[in-house]
Amino acid sequence: MALPQRYIEHPEKELFTEDEYFEFSRTAEERWEFTPVGPPGPDGSRLGRIRMMAGGTDDHAAIIGNVARALGNALVPRGCRTYVSDMRVHTGSGKDTFPDVAVVCGPRQYHRGRNDTLINPVLIAEVLSESTAGYDVGDKFAHYQTIPTLADYLLVAQDAPRAILHSRAGDHWETRLVSGLGSAVHLPSVDVTLALADVYALIEFDEQEQREEI
């Protein structure tokens, strides 16, 4: 799949070890993700490409905030933490990336003891944009599926009141689409129902978009 426009590969070097990636990412102002290339070496180390994850639009950031706030308000009393954009997640396939929203319930587990890289989210949410939608739905979801603890993957549209929920059901995933500001999506992993009116609070859609989602 072609690299989304918002993802920019490192211009000076093609492949990095994960340790090199972590060191580079530690001092970088932007968020970078690591995607492994090929199988692990004899010592388990991986080589991969690193790509900068450029920022989104005002609406993109606002929707992320709305989702995180709704989840946080519901989940803090249960001992669950909600992370927004700057907490890295490591997948079973070896990818290191920064989801828009991630939730961990109970003790947090870290990749290689790094307290900036989680390995046990139960819920991940991504807010889609025109340039990244195909990546988030396809390749990125394939990596996320290798996280053993992940039970729900929520995709939230930016251009219309619409959400797609992928929920793990044994050895497969079930998909549900909800649309319209009057609808809601239930997240089984955390037993929380998100009203799309809350997800899209203060987001303005043109009349045509709203009619299409009714």
Protein backbone atom coordinates (compact mmCIF):
# COMPACT_ATOMS: atom_id res chain seq x y z
CA MET A 1 0.00 0.00 0.00
CA ALA A 2 1.33 3.45 -0.87
CA LEU A 3 2.61 5.54 2.01
CA PRO A 4 0.08 8.17 3.13
CA GLN A 5 0.98 11.77 2.37
CA ARG A 6 1.10 12.59 6.08
CA TYR A 7 3.88 10.03 6.59
CA ILE A 8 7.36 11.15 5.51
CA GLU A 9 10.27 8.70 5.39
CA HIS A 10 13.64 9.61 6.89
CA PRO A 11 15.60 11.36 4.12
CA GLU A 12 19.14 10.28 5.02
CA LYS A 13 18.97 6.59 5.88
CA GLU A 14 16.78 3.73 4.69
CA LEU A 15 16.97 1.19 7.52
CA PHE A 16 17.41 1.60 11.27
CA THR A 17 17.66 -0.78 14.19
CA GLU A 18 14.91 -0.35 16.75
CA ASP A 19 17.48 1.02 19.22
CA GLU A 20 18.55 3.63 16.67
CA TYR A 21 14.92 4.51 16.14
CA PHE A 22 14.32 4.97 19.87
CA GLU A 23 17.39 7.18 20.21
CA PHE A 24 16.39 9.27 17.18
CA SER A 25 12.79 9.54 18.37
CA ARG A 26 13.89 10.61 21.84
CA THR A 27 15.25 13.93 20.59
CA ALA A 28 12.97 14.50 17.59
CA GLU A 29 10.32 17.21 17.86
CA GLU A 30 7.95 15.27 15.60
CA ARG A 31 6.44 11.83 16.15
CA TRP A 32 8.11 9.03 14.16
CA GLU A 33 7.00 5.43 13.74
CA PHE A 34 9.09 2.30 13.16
CA THR A 35 7.99 -0.38 10.69
CA PRO A 36 10.06 -3.60 10.65
CA VAL A 37 11.39 -4.95 7.38
CA GLY A 38 12.07 -8.67 7.11
CA PRO A 39 12.31 -11.28 9.89
CA PRO A 40 14.09 -10.74 13.23
CA GLY A 41 17.81 -11.47 13.45
CA PRO A 42 19.28 -14.32 15.54
CA ASP A 43 19.22 -12.07 18.62
CA GLY A 44 15.65 -10.96 17.98
CA SER A 45 16.63 -7.50 16.78
CA ARG A 46 14.77 -5.90 13.88
CA LEU A 47 15.67 -3.54 11.07
CA GLY A 48 13.01 -1.19 9.84
CA ARG A 49 12.05 2.07 8.20
CA ILE A 50 11.15 5.13 10.23
CA ARG A 51 8.55 7.63 9.10
CA MET A 52 7.46 10.97 10.45
CA MET A 53 3.80 11.22 11.39
CA ALA A 54 2.84 14.76 10.42
CA GLY A 55 0.16 16.65 12.31
CA GLY A 56 -3.49 16.75 11.31
CA THR A 57 -6.10 19.46 10.97
CA ASP A 58 -7.88 21.45 13.66
CA ASP A 59 -10.94 19.18 13.38
CA HIS A 60 -8.71 16.09 13.54
CA ALA A 61 -7.20 17.26 16.83
CA ALA A 62 -10.58 18.29 18.23
CA ILE A 63 -12.17 14.91 17.48
CA ILE A 64 -9.24 13.11 19.13
CA GLY A 65 -9.76 15.29 22.20
CA ASN A 66 -13.49 14.59 22.25
CA VAL A 67 -12.97 10.82 22.05
CA ALA A 68 -10.27 10.83 24.73
CA ARG A 69 -12.31 13.04 27.06
CA ALA A 70 -15.42 10.87 26.77
CA LEU A 71 -13.40 7.72 27.40
CA GLY A 72 -11.41 9.23 30.24
CA ASN A 73 -14.49 10.50 32.05
CA ALA A 74 -16.00 7.02 31.94
CA LEU A 75 -12.88 4.98 32.61
CA VAL A 76 -10.84 6.78 35.26
CA PRO A 77 -13.07 5.43 38.06
CA ARG A 78 -12.34 1.93 36.77
CA GLY A 79 -8.57 2.35 36.85
CA CYS A 80 -8.16 2.63 33.07
CA ARG A 81 -5.80 5.15 31.50
CA THR A 82 -6.57 6.95 28.25
CA TYR A 83 -3.61 8.17 26.20
CA VAL A 84 -3.69 10.73 23.40
CA SER A 85 -1.25 10.74 20.48
CA ASP A 86 2.04 10.93 22.39
CA MET A 87 2.11 7.43 23.93
CA ARG A 88 3.83 4.90 21.70
CA VAL A 89 2.45 1.38 21.22
CA HIS A 90 4.50 -1.66 20.18
CA THR A 91 2.72 -4.38 18.20
CA GLY A 92 3.40 -8.10 18.10
CA SER A 93 4.61 -7.66 14.53
CA GLY A 94 7.35 -5.29 15.70
CA LYS A 95 5.84 -1.96 14.69
CA ASP A 96 6.20 1.07 16.96
CA THR A 97 3.63 3.81 16.39
CA PHE A 98 1.56 6.49 18.10
CA PRO A 99 -2.21 5.86 17.98
CA ASP A 100 -4.52 8.85 18.20
CA VAL A 101 -6.10 7.31 21.32
CA ALA A 102 -5.15 4.21 23.32
CA VAL A 103 -6.65 2.74 26.49
CA VAL A 104 -5.02 0.42 29.02
CA CYS A 105 -6.99 -1.10 31.89
CA GLY A 106 -5.14 -2.51 34.87
CA PRO A 107 -1.34 -2.76 35.13
CA ARG A 108 0.55 -1.24 32.23
CA GLN A 109 3.05 -3.41 30.38
CA TYR A 110 5.97 -1.93 28.47
CA HIS A 111 8.11 -2.99 25.52
CA ARG A 112 11.63 -3.85 26.70
CA GLY A 113 10.94 -2.05 29.96
CA ARG A 114 10.49 1.32 28.24
CA ASN A 115 7.81 3.35 30.02
CA ASP A 116 7.13 5.31 26.84
CA THR A 117 6.09 2.24 24.80
CA LEU A 118 3.01 0.22 25.76
CA ILE A 119 2.30 -3.35 24.67
CA ASN A 120 -1.11 -4.01 26.26
CA PRO A 121 -3.80 -1.59 25.07
CA VAL A 122 -7.33 -3.00 25.04
CA LEU A 123 -8.69 -0.24 22.80
CA ILE A 124 -7.13 1.87 20.05
CA ALA A 125 -8.90 4.65 18.15
CA GLU A 126 -7.73 6.44 15.02
CA VAL A 127 -9.32 9.54 13.50
CA LEU A 128 -9.30 9.16 9.73
CA SER A 129 -8.21 11.72 7.19
CA GLU A 130 -8.30 11.62 3.41
CA SER A 131 -4.58 10.90 3.18
CA THR A 132 -4.36 8.20 5.88
CA ALA A 133 -7.72 6.41 5.78
CA GLY A 134 -6.54 3.55 3.56
CA TYR A 135 -3.44 3.02 5.70
CA ASP A 136 -5.35 3.06 9.01
CA VAL A 137 -7.97 0.64 7.66
CA GLY A 138 -5.46 -1.68 5.97
CA ASP A 139 -1.77 -2.00 6.86
CA LYS A 140 -1.98 -0.34 10.25
CA PHE A 141 -4.93 -2.47 11.32
CA ALA A 142 -3.00 -5.58 10.28
CA HIS A 143 -0.21 -4.58 12.68
CA TYR A 144 -2.65 -3.72 15.46
CA GLN A 145 -4.26 -7.15 15.18
CA THR A 146 -0.98 -8.67 16.41
CA ILE A 147 -1.41 -7.01 19.83
CA PRO A 148 -2.76 -9.88 21.97
CA THR A 149 -4.66 -7.62 24.38
CA LEU A 150 -6.34 -5.46 21.75
CA ALA A 151 -10.09 -6.08 21.72
CA ASP A 152 -11.50 -3.02 19.92
CA TYR A 153 -10.20 -0.85 17.08
CA LEU A 154 -12.31 2.26 16.49
CA LEU A 155 -12.03 4.29 13.29
CA VAL A 156 -13.64 7.73 13.41
CA ALA A 157 -14.34 9.70 10.24
CA GLN A 158 -13.38 13.35 10.11
CA ASP A 159 -15.53 14.54 7.22
CA ALA A 160 -18.89 13.13 8.38
CA PRO A 161 -20.44 11.77 11.61
CA ARG A 162 -19.47 8.15 11.09
CA ALA A 163 -17.49 5.47 12.96
CA ILE A 164 -16.39 1.93 12.23
CA LEU A 165 -15.70 -0.46 15.09
CA HIS A 166 -13.65 -3.65 14.68
CA SER A 167 -14.07 -5.97 17.68
CA ARG A 168 -12.10 -9.15 18.28
CA ALA A 169 -14.31 -12.23 18.42
CA GLY A 170 -12.16 -15.28 19.03
CA ASP A 171 -9.98 -15.82 15.98
CA HIS A 172 -11.68 -13.19 13.82
CA TRP A 173 -12.88 -9.59 13.91
CA GLU A 174 -16.45 -8.35 13.68
CA THR A 175 -17.20 -4.95 12.14
CA ARG A 176 -19.95 -2.48 12.89
CA LEU A 177 -20.68 0.84 11.15
CA VAL A 178 -22.60 3.63 12.86
CA SER A 179 -23.47 6.99 11.34
CA GLY A 180 -25.41 10.13 12.16
CA LEU A 181 -25.14 12.47 15.11
CA GLY A 182 -28.05 10.73 16.81
CA SER A 183 -26.31 7.35 16.90
CA ALA A 184 -23.83 5.79 19.31
CA VAL A 185 -21.19 3.07 19.30
CA HIS A 186 -20.72 0.59 22.13
CA LEU A 187 -17.14 -0.48 22.91
CA PRO A 188 -17.25 -3.98 24.46
CA SER A 189 -13.61 -3.90 25.57
CA VAL A 190 -14.32 -1.17 28.12
CA ASP A 191 -18.13 -1.39 28.29
CA VAL A 192 -18.54 2.25 27.27
CA THR A 193 -21.02 3.71 24.80
CA LEU A 194 -19.83 6.76 22.86
CA ALA A 195 -22.52 9.06 21.50
CA LEU A 196 -21.44 10.46 18.14
CA ALA A 197 -22.87 13.81 19.26
CA ASP A 198 -20.11 13.84 21.91
CA VAL A 199 -17.44 12.56 19.53
CA TYR A 200 -18.22 15.40 17.12
CA ALA A 201 -18.96 18.14 19.66
CA LEU A 202 -18.23 21.57 18.11
CA ILE A 203 -17.39 19.99 14.74
CA GLU A 204 -19.30 21.56 11.85
CA PHE A 205 -20.40 19.56 8.81
CA ASP A 206 -22.06 20.98 5.73
CA GLU A 207 -25.75 20.19 5.24
CA GLN A 208 -25.09 17.69 2.45
CA GLU A 209 -22.78 15.60 4.65
CA GLN A 210 -25.34 15.52 7.45
CA ARG A 211 -28.17 14.51 5.12
CA GLU A 212 -26.08 11.65 3.73
CA GLU A 213 -25.50 10.28 7.23
CA ILE A 214 -29.14 10.32 8.34
